[in-house]
Each structure stands twice: as C-alpha cells, then as structure tokens.
PDB file of all heavy atoms in Angstrom:
ATOM      1  N   ILE A   1      17.016 -23.506   0.269  1.00  0.00           N
ATOM      2  CA  ILE A   1      16.004 -22.475   0.025  1.00  0.00           C
ATOM      3  C   ILE A   1      16.763 -21.110   0.133  1.00  0.00           C
ATOM      4  O   ILE A   1      17.933 -21.092   0.524  1.00  0.00           O
ATOM      5  CB  ILE A   1      14.828 -22.524   1.034  1.00  0.00           C
ATOM      6  CG1 ILE A   1      15.330 -22.542   2.501  1.00  0.00           C
ATOM      7  CG2 ILE A   1      13.972 -23.745   0.751  1.00  0.00           C
ATOM      8  CD1 ILE A   1      14.254 -22.592   3.530  1.00  0.00           C
ATOM      9  N   GLU A   2      16.084 -20.041  -0.150  1.00  0.00           N
ATOM     10  CA  GLU A   2      16.811 -18.751  -0.079  1.00  0.00           C
ATOM     11  C   GLU A   2      15.830 -17.600   0.236  1.00  0.00           C
ATOM     12  O   GLU A   2      14.613 -17.770   0.081  1.00  0.00           O
ATOM     13  CB  GLU A   2      17.464 -18.477  -1.451  1.00  0.00           C
ATOM     14  CG  GLU A   2      16.536 -18.333  -2.638  1.00  0.00           C
ATOM     15  CD  GLU A   2      17.287 -18.110  -3.893  1.00  0.00           C
ATOM     16  OE1 GLU A   2      17.999 -17.134  -3.987  1.00  0.00           O
ATOM     17  OE2 GLU A   2      17.155 -18.989  -4.866  1.00  0.00           O
ATOM     18  N   LEU A   3      16.424 -16.518   0.712  1.00  0.00           N
ATOM     19  CA  LEU A   3      15.594 -15.353   1.018  1.00  0.00           C
ATOM     20  C   LEU A   3      15.092 -14.718  -0.260  1.00  0.00           C
ATOM     21  O   LEU A   3      15.762 -14.739  -1.305  1.00  0.00           O
ATOM     22  CB  LEU A   3      16.454 -14.288   1.783  1.00  0.00           C
ATOM     23  CG  LEU A   3      16.914 -14.688   3.199  1.00  0.00           C
ATOM     24  CD1 LEU A   3      17.737 -13.526   3.778  1.00  0.00           C
ATOM     25  CD2 LEU A   3      15.727 -14.996   4.080  1.00  0.00           C
ATOM     26  N   HIS A   4      13.901 -14.143  -0.187  1.00  0.00           N
ATOM     27  CA  HIS A   4      13.379 -13.417  -1.301  1.00  0.00           C
ATOM     28  C   HIS A   4      14.097 -12.087  -1.410  1.00  0.00           C
ATOM     29  O   HIS A   4      14.077 -11.280  -0.456  1.00  0.00           O
ATOM     30  CB  HIS A   4      11.851 -13.143  -1.092  1.00  0.00           C
ATOM     31  CG  HIS A   4      11.128 -12.785  -2.373  1.00  0.00           C
ATOM     32  ND1 HIS A   4      11.455 -11.606  -3.022  1.00  0.00           N
ATOM     33  CD2 HIS A   4      10.151 -13.350  -3.030  1.00  0.00           C
ATOM     34  CE1 HIS A   4      10.660 -11.488  -4.111  1.00  0.00           C
ATOM     35  NE2 HIS A   4       9.846 -12.568  -4.108  1.00  0.00           N
ATOM     36  N   PRO A   5      14.749 -11.825  -2.572  1.00  0.00           N
ATOM     37  CA  PRO A   5      15.626 -10.608  -2.641  1.00  0.00           C
ATOM     38  C   PRO A   5      14.832  -9.299  -2.466  1.00  0.00           C
ATOM     39  O   PRO A   5      15.384  -8.308  -2.038  1.00  0.00           O
ATOM     40  CB  PRO A   5      16.241 -10.738  -4.029  1.00  0.00           C
ATOM     41  CG  PRO A   5      15.360 -11.672  -4.797  1.00  0.00           C
ATOM     42  CD  PRO A   5      14.800 -12.617  -3.820  1.00  0.00           C
ATOM     43  N   ASP A   6      13.578  -9.300  -2.911  1.00  0.00           N
ATOM     44  CA  ASP A   6      12.777  -8.078  -2.849  1.00  0.00           C
ATOM     45  C   ASP A   6      12.042  -7.868  -1.553  1.00  0.00           C
ATOM     46  O   ASP A   6      11.523  -6.817  -1.289  1.00  0.00           O
ATOM     47  CB  ASP A   6      11.777  -8.010  -4.037  1.00  0.00           C
ATOM     48  CG  ASP A   6      12.512  -8.038  -5.396  1.00  0.00           C
ATOM     49  OD1 ASP A   6      13.589  -7.474  -5.468  1.00  0.00           O
ATOM     50  OD2 ASP A   6      11.952  -8.682  -6.337  1.00  0.00           O
ATOM     51  N   LYS A   7      11.907  -8.946  -0.798  1.00  0.00           N
ATOM     52  CA  LYS A   7      11.108  -8.912   0.420  1.00  0.00           C
ATOM     53  C   LYS A   7      11.937  -9.104   1.676  1.00  0.00           C
ATOM     54  O   LYS A   7      11.382  -9.264   2.755  1.00  0.00           O
ATOM     55  CB  LYS A   7      10.016  -9.965   0.352  1.00  0.00           C
ATOM     56  CG  LYS A   7       9.026  -9.767  -0.749  1.00  0.00           C
ATOM     57  CD  LYS A   7       7.950 -10.836  -0.769  1.00  0.00           C
ATOM     58  CE  LYS A   7       6.991 -10.694  -1.904  1.00  0.00           C
ATOM     59  NZ  LYS A   7       5.942 -11.783  -1.945  1.00  0.00           N
ATOM     60  N   SER A   8      13.238  -9.032   1.573  1.00  0.00           N
ATOM     61  CA  SER A   8      14.117  -9.230   2.680  1.00  0.00           C
ATOM     62  C   SER A   8      15.030  -8.056   2.813  1.00  0.00           C
ATOM     63  O   SER A   8      16.095  -7.968   2.139  1.00  0.00           O
ATOM     64  CB  SER A   8      14.937 -10.511   2.533  1.00  0.00           C
ATOM     65  OG  SER A   8      14.128 -11.645   2.338  1.00  0.00           O
ATOM     66  N   LYS A   9      14.637  -7.086   3.643  1.00  0.00           N
ATOM     67  CA  LYS A   9      15.375  -5.815   3.733  1.00  0.00           C
ATOM     68  C   LYS A   9      15.386  -5.315   5.191  1.00  0.00           C
ATOM     69  O   LYS A   9      14.659  -5.814   6.055  1.00  0.00           O
ATOM     70  CB  LYS A   9      14.711  -4.787   2.871  1.00  0.00           C
ATOM     71  CG  LYS A   9      14.766  -5.065   1.355  1.00  0.00           C
ATOM     72  CD  LYS A   9      14.054  -4.044   0.544  1.00  0.00           C
ATOM     73  CE  LYS A   9      14.099  -4.364  -0.927  1.00  0.00           C
ATOM     74  NZ  LYS A   9      13.398  -3.378  -1.747  1.00  0.00           N
ATOM     75  N   ILE A  10      16.221  -4.267   5.433  1.00  0.00           N
ATOM     76  CA  ILE A  10      16.345  -3.674   6.748  1.00  0.00           C
ATOM     77  C   ILE A  10      15.612  -2.315   6.718  1.00  0.00           C
ATOM     78  O   ILE A  10      15.764  -1.517   5.782  1.00  0.00           O
ATOM     79  CB  ILE A  10      17.783  -3.494   7.155  1.00  0.00           C
ATOM     80  CG1 ILE A  10      18.486  -4.865   7.313  1.00  0.00           C
ATOM     81  CG2 ILE A  10      17.938  -2.699   8.450  1.00  0.00           C
ATOM     82  CD1 ILE A  10      19.993  -4.798   7.413  1.00  0.00           C
ATOM     83  N   TYR A  11      14.823  -2.065   7.760  1.00  0.00           N
ATOM     84  CA  TYR A  11      14.040  -0.853   7.858  1.00  0.00           C
ATOM     85  C   TYR A  11      14.266  -0.179   9.215  1.00  0.00           C
ATOM     86  O   TYR A  11      14.631  -0.851  10.166  1.00  0.00           O
ATOM     87  CB  TYR A  11      12.538  -1.124   7.669  1.00  0.00           C
ATOM     88  CG  TYR A  11      12.173  -1.863   6.387  1.00  0.00           C
ATOM     89  CD1 TYR A  11      12.209  -3.268   6.334  1.00  0.00           C
ATOM     90  CD2 TYR A  11      11.859  -1.183   5.239  1.00  0.00           C
ATOM     91  CE1 TYR A  11      11.860  -3.915   5.167  1.00  0.00           C
ATOM     92  CE2 TYR A  11      11.516  -1.846   4.017  1.00  0.00           C
ATOM     93  CZ  TYR A  11      11.523  -3.210   4.048  1.00  0.00           C
ATOM     94  OH  TYR A  11      11.177  -3.852   2.883  1.00  0.00           O
ATOM     95  N   THR A  12      13.972   1.090   9.291  1.00  0.00           N
ATOM     96  CA  THR A  12      13.978   1.813  10.610  1.00  0.00           C
ATOM     97  C   THR A  12      12.634   1.560  11.215  1.00  0.00           C
ATOM     98  O   THR A  12      11.566   1.471  10.572  1.00  0.00           O
ATOM     99  CB  THR A  12      14.159   3.297  10.370  1.00  0.00           C
ATOM    100  OG1 THR A  12      13.166   3.801   9.536  1.00  0.00           O
ATOM    101  CG2 THR A  12      15.537   3.622   9.783  1.00  0.00           C
ATOM    102  N   LEU A  13      12.648   1.486  12.538  1.00  0.00           N
ATOM    103  CA  LEU A  13      11.376   1.330  13.276  1.00  0.00           C
ATOM    104  C   LEU A  13      10.448   2.490  13.087  1.00  0.00           C
ATOM    105  O   LEU A  13       9.227   2.301  13.073  1.00  0.00           O
ATOM    106  CB  LEU A  13      11.684   1.075  14.791  1.00  0.00           C
ATOM    107  CG  LEU A  13      12.138  -0.278  15.195  1.00  0.00           C
ATOM    108  CD1 LEU A  13      12.530  -0.256  16.727  1.00  0.00           C
ATOM    109  CD2 LEU A  13      11.049  -1.331  14.982  1.00  0.00           C
ATOM    110  N   TYR A  14      11.010   3.716  12.966  1.00  0.00           N
ATOM    111  CA  TYR A  14      10.121   4.868  12.870  1.00  0.00           C
ATOM    112  C   TYR A  14       9.371   4.935  11.581  1.00  0.00           C
ATOM    113  O   TYR A  14       8.396   5.701  11.481  1.00  0.00           O
ATOM    114  CB  TYR A  14      10.897   6.154  13.238  1.00  0.00           C
ATOM    115  CG  TYR A  14      11.987   6.566  12.259  1.00  0.00           C
ATOM    116  CD1 TYR A  14      11.690   7.027  10.995  1.00  0.00           C
ATOM    117  CD2 TYR A  14      13.302   6.442  12.649  1.00  0.00           C
ATOM    118  CE1 TYR A  14      12.735   7.439  10.141  1.00  0.00           C
ATOM    119  CE2 TYR A  14      14.377   6.845  11.796  1.00  0.00           C
ATOM    120  CZ  TYR A  14      14.023   7.339  10.512  1.00  0.00           C
ATOM    121  OH  TYR A  14      15.080   7.722   9.705  1.00  0.00           O
ATOM    122  N   ASN A  15       9.793   4.232  10.527  1.00  0.00           N
ATOM    123  CA  ASN A  15       9.034   4.237   9.319  1.00  0.00           C
ATOM    124  C   ASN A  15       7.819   3.259   9.341  1.00  0.00           C
ATOM    125  O   ASN A  15       7.058   3.239   8.421  1.00  0.00           O
ATOM    126  CB  ASN A  15       9.917   3.880   8.126  1.00  0.00           C
ATOM    127  CG  ASN A  15      10.695   5.109   7.604  1.00  0.00           C
ATOM    128  OD1 ASN A  15      10.236   6.214   7.742  1.00  0.00           O
ATOM    129  ND2 ASN A  15      11.909   4.884   7.065  1.00  0.00           N
ATOM    130  N   GLY A  16       7.764   2.486  10.399  1.00  0.00           N
ATOM    131  CA  GLY A  16       6.687   1.525  10.504  1.00  0.00           C
ATOM    132  C   GLY A  16       7.029   0.177   9.990  1.00  0.00           C
ATOM    133  O   GLY A  16       7.611   0.042   8.875  1.00  0.00           O
ATOM    134  N   ALA A  17       6.763  -0.843  10.780  1.00  0.00           N
ATOM    135  CA  ALA A  17       7.109  -2.198  10.393  1.00  0.00           C
ATOM    136  C   ALA A  17       5.890  -2.950   9.804  1.00  0.00           C
ATOM    137  O   ALA A  17       4.833  -3.060  10.458  1.00  0.00           O
ATOM    138  CB  ALA A  17       7.590  -2.977  11.642  1.00  0.00           C
ATOM    139  N   ASN A  18       6.017  -3.396   8.560  1.00  0.00           N
ATOM    140  CA  ASN A  18       5.012  -4.208   7.962  1.00  0.00           C
ATOM    141  C   ASN A  18       5.181  -5.658   8.382  1.00  0.00           C
ATOM    142  O   ASN A  18       6.157  -6.319   7.976  1.00  0.00           O
ATOM    143  CB  ASN A  18       5.062  -4.084   6.438  1.00  0.00           C
ATOM    144  CG  ASN A  18       4.464  -2.795   5.907  1.00  0.00           C
ATOM    145  OD1 ASN A  18       3.544  -2.235   6.511  1.00  0.00           O
ATOM    146  ND2 ASN A  18       4.990  -2.316   4.796  1.00  0.00           N
ATOM    147  N   PHE A  19       4.262  -6.156   9.220  1.00  0.00           N
ATOM    148  CA  PHE A  19       4.417  -7.489   9.792  1.00  0.00           C
ATOM    149  C   PHE A  19       3.040  -8.082  10.039  1.00  0.00           C
ATOM    150  O   PHE A  19       2.225  -7.483  10.732  1.00  0.00           O
ATOM    151  CB  PHE A  19       5.246  -7.433  11.062  1.00  0.00           C
ATOM    152  CG  PHE A  19       5.614  -8.795  11.615  1.00  0.00           C
ATOM    153  CD1 PHE A  19       6.152  -9.793  10.797  1.00  0.00           C
ATOM    154  CD2 PHE A  19       5.442  -9.071  12.951  1.00  0.00           C
ATOM    155  CE1 PHE A  19       6.499 -11.014  11.319  1.00  0.00           C
ATOM    156  CE2 PHE A  19       5.788 -10.293  13.475  1.00  0.00           C
ATOM    157  CZ  PHE A  19       6.334 -11.301  12.695  1.00  0.00           C
ATOM    158  N   LEU A  20       2.763  -9.234   9.457  1.00  0.00           N
ATOM    159  CA  LEU A  20       1.563 -10.022   9.707  1.00  0.00           C
ATOM    160  C   LEU A  20       0.282  -9.177   9.407  1.00  0.00           C
ATOM    161  O   LEU A  20      -0.647  -9.171  10.235  1.00  0.00           O
ATOM    162  CB  LEU A  20       1.522 -10.588  11.106  1.00  0.00           C
ATOM    163  CG  LEU A  20       2.665 -11.550  11.416  1.00  0.00           C
ATOM    164  CD1 LEU A  20       2.586 -12.106  12.847  1.00  0.00           C
ATOM    165  CD2 LEU A  20       2.707 -12.709  10.419  1.00  0.00           C
ATOM    166  N   GLY A  21       0.305  -8.430   8.353  1.00  0.00           N
ATOM    167  CA  GLY A  21      -0.908  -7.700   8.015  1.00  0.00           C
ATOM    168  C   GLY A  21      -1.079  -6.297   8.590  1.00  0.00           C
ATOM    169  O   GLY A  21      -2.040  -5.602   8.295  1.00  0.00           O
ATOM    170  N   PHE A  22      -0.141  -5.922   9.491  1.00  0.00           N
ATOM    171  CA  PHE A  22      -0.227  -4.602  10.098  1.00  0.00           C
ATOM    172  C   PHE A  22       1.003  -3.779   9.799  1.00  0.00           C
ATOM    173  O   PHE A  22       2.075  -4.328   9.564  1.00  0.00           O
ATOM    174  CB  PHE A  22      -0.342  -4.731  11.625  1.00  0.00           C
ATOM    175  CG  PHE A  22      -1.696  -5.106  12.120  1.00  0.00           C
ATOM    176  CD1 PHE A  22      -2.029  -6.434  12.339  1.00  0.00           C
ATOM    177  CD2 PHE A  22      -2.646  -4.152  12.376  1.00  0.00           C
ATOM    178  CE1 PHE A  22      -3.288  -6.770  12.811  1.00  0.00           C
ATOM    179  CE2 PHE A  22      -3.952  -4.486  12.795  1.00  0.00           C
ATOM    180  CZ  PHE A  22      -4.254  -5.812  13.019  1.00  0.00           C
ATOM    181  N   ARG A  23       0.843  -2.467   9.812  1.00  0.00           N
ATOM    182  CA  ARG A  23       1.979  -1.543   9.791  1.00  0.00           C
ATOM    183  C   ARG A  23       2.091  -1.020  11.204  1.00  0.00           C
ATOM    184  O   ARG A  23       1.230  -0.278  11.711  1.00  0.00           O
ATOM    185  CB  ARG A  23       1.744  -0.420   8.805  1.00  0.00           C
ATOM    186  CG  ARG A  23       3.023   0.404   8.566  1.00  0.00           C
ATOM    187  CD  ARG A  23       2.816   1.468   7.485  1.00  0.00           C
ATOM    188  NE  ARG A  23       4.041   2.205   7.268  1.00  0.00           N
ATOM    189  CZ  ARG A  23       4.117   3.365   6.652  1.00  0.00           C
ATOM    190  NH1 ARG A  23       3.025   3.863   6.104  1.00  0.00           N
ATOM    191  NH2 ARG A  23       5.286   3.977   6.498  1.00  0.00           N
ATOM    192  N   ILE A  24       3.276  -1.412  11.851  1.00  0.00           N
ATOM    193  CA  ILE A  24       3.406  -1.172  13.276  1.00  0.00           C
ATOM    194  C   ILE A  24       4.324  -0.018  13.573  1.00  0.00           C
ATOM    195  O   ILE A  24       5.459   0.026  13.156  1.00  0.00           O
ATOM    196  CB  ILE A  24       4.010  -2.439  13.938  1.00  0.00           C
ATOM    197  CG1 ILE A  24       3.161  -3.685  13.631  1.00  0.00           C
ATOM    198  CG2 ILE A  24       4.093  -2.229  15.462  1.00  0.00           C
ATOM    199  CD1 ILE A  24       3.809  -4.996  14.036  1.00  0.00           C
ATOM    200  N   PHE A  25       3.789   1.015  14.226  1.00  0.00           N
ATOM    201  CA  PHE A  25       4.532   2.147  14.678  1.00  0.00           C
ATOM    202  C   PHE A  25       4.765   2.001  16.207  1.00  0.00           C
ATOM    203  O   PHE A  25       4.220   1.069  16.859  1.00  0.00           O
ATOM    204  CB  PHE A  25       3.824   3.470  14.380  1.00  0.00           C
ATOM    205  CG  PHE A  25       3.666   3.711  12.884  1.00  0.00           C
ATOM    206  CD1 PHE A  25       2.568   3.221  12.229  1.00  0.00           C
ATOM    207  CD2 PHE A  25       4.703   4.368  12.159  1.00  0.00           C
ATOM    208  CE1 PHE A  25       2.449   3.440  10.818  1.00  0.00           C
ATOM    209  CE2 PHE A  25       4.537   4.541  10.833  1.00  0.00           C
ATOM    210  CZ  PHE A  25       3.428   4.128  10.129  1.00  0.00           C
ATOM    211  N   TYR A  26       5.521   2.897  16.792  1.00  0.00           N
ATOM    212  CA  TYR A  26       5.803   2.709  18.217  1.00  0.00           C
ATOM    213  C   TYR A  26       4.539   2.833  19.083  1.00  0.00           C
ATOM    214  O   TYR A  26       4.373   2.057  20.033  1.00  0.00           O
ATOM    215  CB  TYR A  26       6.864   3.714  18.729  1.00  0.00           C
ATOM    216  CG  TYR A  26       7.318   3.389  20.124  1.00  0.00           C
ATOM    217  CD1 TYR A  26       8.264   2.352  20.291  1.00  0.00           C
ATOM    218  CD2 TYR A  26       6.834   4.049  21.211  1.00  0.00           C
ATOM    219  CE1 TYR A  26       8.672   1.988  21.574  1.00  0.00           C
ATOM    220  CE2 TYR A  26       7.252   3.740  22.460  1.00  0.00           C
ATOM    221  CZ  TYR A  26       8.177   2.719  22.672  1.00  0.00           C
ATOM    222  OH  TYR A  26       8.578   2.361  23.938  1.00  0.00           O
ATOM    223  N   HIS A  27       3.702   3.788  18.771  1.00  0.00           N
ATOM    224  CA  HIS A  27       2.528   4.071  19.630  1.00  0.00           C
ATOM    225  C   HIS A  27       1.231   3.506  19.122  1.00  0.00           C
ATOM    226  O   HIS A  27       0.191   3.600  19.771  1.00  0.00           O
ATOM    227  CB  HIS A  27       2.398   5.586  19.901  1.00  0.00           C
ATOM    228  CG  HIS A  27       3.500   6.115  20.780  1.00  0.00           C
ATOM    229  ND1 HIS A  27       3.515   5.865  22.112  1.00  0.00           N
ATOM    230  CD2 HIS A  27       4.564   6.894  20.490  1.00  0.00           C
ATOM    231  CE1 HIS A  27       4.576   6.474  22.646  1.00  0.00           C
ATOM    232  NE2 HIS A  27       5.247   7.116  21.724  1.00  0.00           N
ATOM    233  N   TYR A  28       1.228   2.975  17.897  1.00  0.00           N
ATOM    234  CA  TYR A  28      -0.020   2.423  17.342  1.00  0.00           C
ATOM    235  C   TYR A  28       0.308   1.507  16.186  1.00  0.00           C
ATOM    236  O   TYR A  28       1.386   1.472  15.677  1.00  0.00           O
ATOM    237  CB  TYR A  28      -0.938   3.553  16.864  1.00  0.00           C
ATOM    238  CG  TYR A  28      -0.411   4.409  15.764  1.00  0.00           C
ATOM    239  CD1 TYR A  28      -0.671   4.118  14.418  1.00  0.00           C
ATOM    240  CD2 TYR A  28       0.420   5.535  16.023  1.00  0.00           C
ATOM    241  CE1 TYR A  28      -0.177   4.917  13.402  1.00  0.00           C
ATOM    242  CE2 TYR A  28       0.915   6.297  14.995  1.00  0.00           C
ATOM    243  CZ  TYR A  28       0.609   5.990  13.684  1.00  0.00           C
ATOM    244  OH  TYR A  28       1.060   6.741  12.684  1.00  0.00           O
ATOM    245  N   LYS A  29      -0.718   0.717  15.768  1.00  0.00           N
ATOM    246  CA  LYS A  29      -0.605  -0.136  14.576  1.00  0.00           C
ATOM    247  C   LYS A  29      -1.841  -0.043  13.773  1.00  0.00           C
ATOM    248  O   LYS A  29      -2.949   0.047  14.278  1.00  0.00           O
ATOM    249  CB  LYS A  29      -0.190  -1.577  14.959  1.00  0.00           C
ATOM    250  CG  LYS A  29      -1.286  -2.319  15.767  1.00  0.00           C
ATOM    251  CD  LYS A  29      -0.916  -3.797  15.951  1.00  0.00           C
ATOM    252  CE  LYS A  29       0.219  -3.977  16.928  1.00  0.00           C
ATOM    253  NZ  LYS A  29      -0.159  -3.758  18.307  1.00  0.00           N
ATOM    254  N   LEU A  30      -1.720  -0.116  12.426  1.00  0.00           N
ATOM    255  CA  LEU A  30      -2.805  -0.044  11.489  1.00  0.00           C
ATOM    256  C   LEU A  30      -2.723  -1.188  10.473  1.00  0.00           C
ATOM    257  O   LEU A  30      -1.628  -1.681  10.165  1.00  0.00           O
ATOM    258  CB  LEU A  30      -2.734   1.295  10.742  1.00  0.00           C
ATOM    259  CG  LEU A  30      -2.860   2.588  11.547  1.00  0.00           C
ATOM    260  CD1 LEU A  30      -2.571   3.759  10.640  1.00  0.00           C
ATOM    261  CD2 LEU A  30      -4.248   2.720  12.161  1.00  0.00           C
ATOM    262  N   PRO A  31      -3.875  -1.615   9.974  1.00  0.00           N
ATOM    263  CA  PRO A  31      -3.845  -2.637   8.923  1.00  0.00           C
ATOM    264  C   PRO A  31      -3.101  -2.086   7.705  1.00  0.00           C
ATOM    265  O   PRO A  31      -3.175  -0.887   7.427  1.00  0.00           O
ATOM    266  CB  PRO A  31      -5.305  -2.915   8.602  1.00  0.00           C
ATOM    267  CG  PRO A  31      -6.055  -2.426   9.784  1.00  0.00           C
ATOM    268  CD  PRO A  31      -5.283  -1.257  10.382  1.00  0.00           C
ATOM    269  N   LYS A  32      -2.428  -2.969   6.961  1.00  0.00           N
ATOM    270  CA  LYS A  32      -1.776  -2.524   5.732  1.00  0.00           C
ATOM    271  C   LYS A  32      -2.805  -1.947   4.798  1.00  0.00           C
ATOM    272  O   LYS A  32      -3.991  -2.374   4.745  1.00  0.00           O
ATOM    273  CB  LYS A  32      -1.079  -3.727   5.089  1.00  0.00           C
ATOM    274  CG  LYS A  32       0.158  -4.184   5.805  1.00  0.00           C
ATOM    275  CD  LYS A  32       0.688  -5.539   5.267  1.00  0.00           C
ATOM    276  CE  LYS A  32       0.954  -5.465   3.790  1.00  0.00           C
ATOM    277  NZ  LYS A  32       1.488  -6.782   3.302  1.00  0.00           N
ATOM    278  N   LYS A  33      -2.407  -1.019   3.919  1.00  0.00           N
ATOM    279  CA  LYS A  33      -3.316  -0.342   2.998  1.00  0.00           C
ATOM    280  C   LYS A  33      -3.933  -1.384   2.089  1.00  0.00           C
ATOM    281  O   LYS A  33      -5.104  -1.224   1.715  1.00  0.00           O
ATOM    282  CB  LYS A  33      -2.547   0.711   2.200  1.00  0.00           C
ATOM    283  CG  LYS A  33      -2.159   1.935   3.024  1.00  0.00           C
ATOM    284  CD  LYS A  33      -1.440   2.949   2.203  1.00  0.00           C
ATOM    285  CE  LYS A  33      -1.069   4.183   3.034  1.00  0.00           C
ATOM    286  NZ  LYS A  33      -0.331   5.198   2.236  1.00  0.00           N
ATOM    287  N   SER A  34      -3.122  -2.367   1.664  1.00  0.00           N
ATOM    288  CA  SER A  34      -3.690  -3.411   0.736  1.00  0.00           C
ATOM    289  C   SER A  34      -4.855  -4.177   1.450  1.00  0.00           C
ATOM    290  O   SER A  34      -5.804  -4.581   0.773  1.00  0.00           O
ATOM    291  CB  SER A  34      -2.586  -4.356   0.310  1.00  0.00           C
ATOM    292  OG  SER A  34      -1.998  -4.960   1.426  1.00  0.00           O
ATOM    293  N   ASN A  35      -4.692  -4.442   2.754  1.00  0.00           N
ATOM    294  CA  ASN A  35      -5.757  -5.131   3.475  1.00  0.00           C
ATOM    295  C   ASN A  35      -7.040  -4.291   3.618  1.00  0.00           C
ATOM    296  O   ASN A  35      -8.118  -4.820   3.542  1.00  0.00           O
ATOM    297  CB  ASN A  35      -5.268  -5.550   4.855  1.00  0.00           C
ATOM    298  CG  ASN A  35      -4.275  -6.686   4.794  1.00  0.00           C
ATOM    299  OD1 ASN A  35      -4.105  -7.288   3.736  1.00  0.00           O
ATOM    300  ND2 ASN A  35      -3.587  -6.929   5.877  1.00  0.00           N
ATOM    301  N   ILE A  36      -6.837  -2.979   3.785  1.00  0.00           N
ATOM    302  CA  ILE A  36      -7.979  -2.077   3.872  1.00  0.00           C
ATOM    303  C   ILE A  36      -8.738  -2.043   2.519  1.00  0.00           C
ATOM    304  O   ILE A  36      -9.963  -2.101   2.482  1.00  0.00           O
ATOM    305  CB  ILE A  36      -7.548  -0.672   4.311  1.00  0.00           C
ATOM    306  CG1 ILE A  36      -6.988  -0.728   5.757  1.00  0.00           C
ATOM    307  CG2 ILE A  36      -8.736   0.299   4.242  1.00  0.00           C
ATOM    308  CD1 ILE A  36      -6.404   0.613   6.255  1.00  0.00           C
ATOM    309  N   LYS A  37      -7.974  -1.957   1.459  1.00  0.00           N
ATOM    310  CA  LYS A  37      -8.577  -1.963   0.087  1.00  0.00           C
ATOM    311  C   LYS A  37      -9.319  -3.217  -0.122  1.00  0.00           C
ATOM    312  O   LYS A  37     -10.396  -3.224  -0.718  1.00  0.00           O
ATOM    313  CB  LYS A  37      -7.513  -1.760  -0.944  1.00  0.00           C
ATOM    314  CG  LYS A  37      -6.878  -0.358  -0.979  1.00  0.00           C
ATOM    315  CD  LYS A  37      -5.822  -0.252  -2.121  1.00  0.00           C
ATOM    316  CE  LYS A  37      -5.197   1.131  -2.149  1.00  0.00           C
ATOM    317  NZ  LYS A  37      -4.114   1.244  -3.154  1.00  0.00           N
ATOM    318  N   LEU A  38      -8.760  -4.324   0.314  1.00  0.00           N
ATOM    319  CA  LEU A  38      -9.363  -5.658   0.092  1.00  0.00           C
ATOM    320  C   LEU A  38     -10.710  -5.743   0.833  1.00  0.00           C
ATOM    321  O   LEU A  38     -11.724  -6.174   0.270  1.00  0.00           O
ATOM    322  CB  LEU A  38      -8.431  -6.758   0.554  1.00  0.00           C
ATOM    323  CG  LEU A  38      -9.007  -8.187   0.459  1.00  0.00           C
ATOM    324  CD1 LEU A  38      -9.248  -8.576  -0.985  1.00  0.00           C
ATOM    325  CD2 LEU A  38      -8.009  -9.185   1.086  1.00  0.00           C
ATOM    326  N   ILE A  39     -10.746  -5.320   2.102  1.00  0.00           N
ATOM    327  CA  ILE A  39     -12.007  -5.433   2.871  1.00  0.00           C
ATOM    328  C   ILE A  39     -13.068  -4.482   2.329  1.00  0.00           C
ATOM    329  O   ILE A  39     -14.268  -4.775   2.318  1.00  0.00           O
ATOM    330  CB  ILE A  39     -11.774  -5.180   4.377  1.00  0.00           C
ATOM    331  CG1 ILE A  39     -12.976  -5.652   5.214  1.00  0.00           C
ATOM    332  CG2 ILE A  39     -11.432  -3.709   4.692  1.00  0.00           C
ATOM    333  CD1 ILE A  39     -13.339  -7.080   5.089  1.00  0.00           C
ATOM    334  N   LYS A  40     -12.645  -3.315   1.828  1.00  0.00           N
ATOM    335  CA  LYS A  40     -13.585  -2.373   1.172  1.00  0.00           C
ATOM    336  C   LYS A  40     -14.191  -2.996  -0.046  1.00  0.00           C
ATOM    337  O   LYS A  40     -15.417  -2.837  -0.266  1.00  0.00           O
ATOM    338  CB  LYS A  40     -12.895  -1.050   0.851  1.00  0.00           C
ATOM    339  CG  LYS A  40     -12.606  -0.149   2.065  1.00  0.00           C
ATOM    340  CD  LYS A  40     -11.967   1.148   1.663  1.00  0.00           C
ATOM    341  CE  LYS A  40     -11.788   2.064   2.837  1.00  0.00           C
ATOM    342  NZ  LYS A  40     -11.084   3.320   2.476  1.00  0.00           N
ATOM    343  N   ARG A  41     -13.405  -3.684  -0.826  1.00  0.00           N
ATOM    344  CA  ARG A  41     -13.925  -4.375  -2.049  1.00  0.00           C
ATOM    345  C   ARG A  41     -14.873  -5.465  -1.668  1.00  0.00           C
ATOM    346  O   ARG A  41     -15.978  -5.658  -2.306  1.00  0.00           O
ATOM    347  CB  ARG A  41     -12.774  -4.927  -2.900  1.00  0.00           C
ATOM    348  CG  ARG A  41     -11.997  -3.881  -3.666  1.00  0.00           C
ATOM    349  CD  ARG A  41     -11.218  -4.503  -4.822  1.00  0.00           C
ATOM    350  NE  ARG A  41     -10.263  -5.500  -4.350  1.00  0.00           N
ATOM    351  CZ  ARG A  41      -9.004  -5.267  -4.033  1.00  0.00           C
ATOM    352  NH1 ARG A  41      -8.578  -4.005  -4.114  1.00  0.00           N
ATOM    353  NH2 ARG A  41      -8.205  -6.225  -3.645  1.00  0.00           N
ATOM    354  N   ARG A  42     -14.555  -6.190  -0.590  1.00  0.00           N
ATOM    355  CA  ARG A  42     -15.483  -7.258  -0.143  1.00  0.00           C
ATOM    356  C   ARG A  42     -16.796  -6.715   0.328  1.00  0.00           C
ATOM    357  O   ARG A  42     -17.811  -7.244   0.001  1.00  0.00           O
ATOM    358  CB  ARG A  42     -14.789  -8.064   0.982  1.00  0.00           C
ATOM    359  CG  ARG A  42     -13.654  -8.993   0.578  1.00  0.00           C
ATOM    360  CD  ARG A  42     -13.166  -9.791   1.693  1.00  0.00           C
ATOM    361  NE  ARG A  42     -14.159 -10.735   2.106  1.00  0.00           N
ATOM    362  CZ  ARG A  42     -14.131 -11.432   3.272  1.00  0.00           C
ATOM    363  NH1 ARG A  42     -13.086 -11.230   4.119  1.00  0.00           N
ATOM    364  NH2 ARG A  42     -15.056 -12.270   3.619  1.00  0.00           N
TER     365      ARG A  42
END
C-alpha cells in the first residue's frame, strides 16, 4: 500500500492541525469548515 501523495504532508502546529474532523490549535479546536457546511445543509 502507499501514502496518499496529496494528503500526506508536514504542517506547522500554529497553522492548525486537521485531524479527525477538527482543526486543532494550541488553545482551542473547531470542526472543519466542510463539517460545518454539511451540518448546516442537513
């Protein structure tokens, strides 16, 4: 198997970590924008 070339990258912590549906910053975490749009449509 192999890593997805577009979804396997290195990021800085201060830009926020997209992980398991949240965008995680040091002092807080928010749902990803796509998840917020999805729940609004629902």
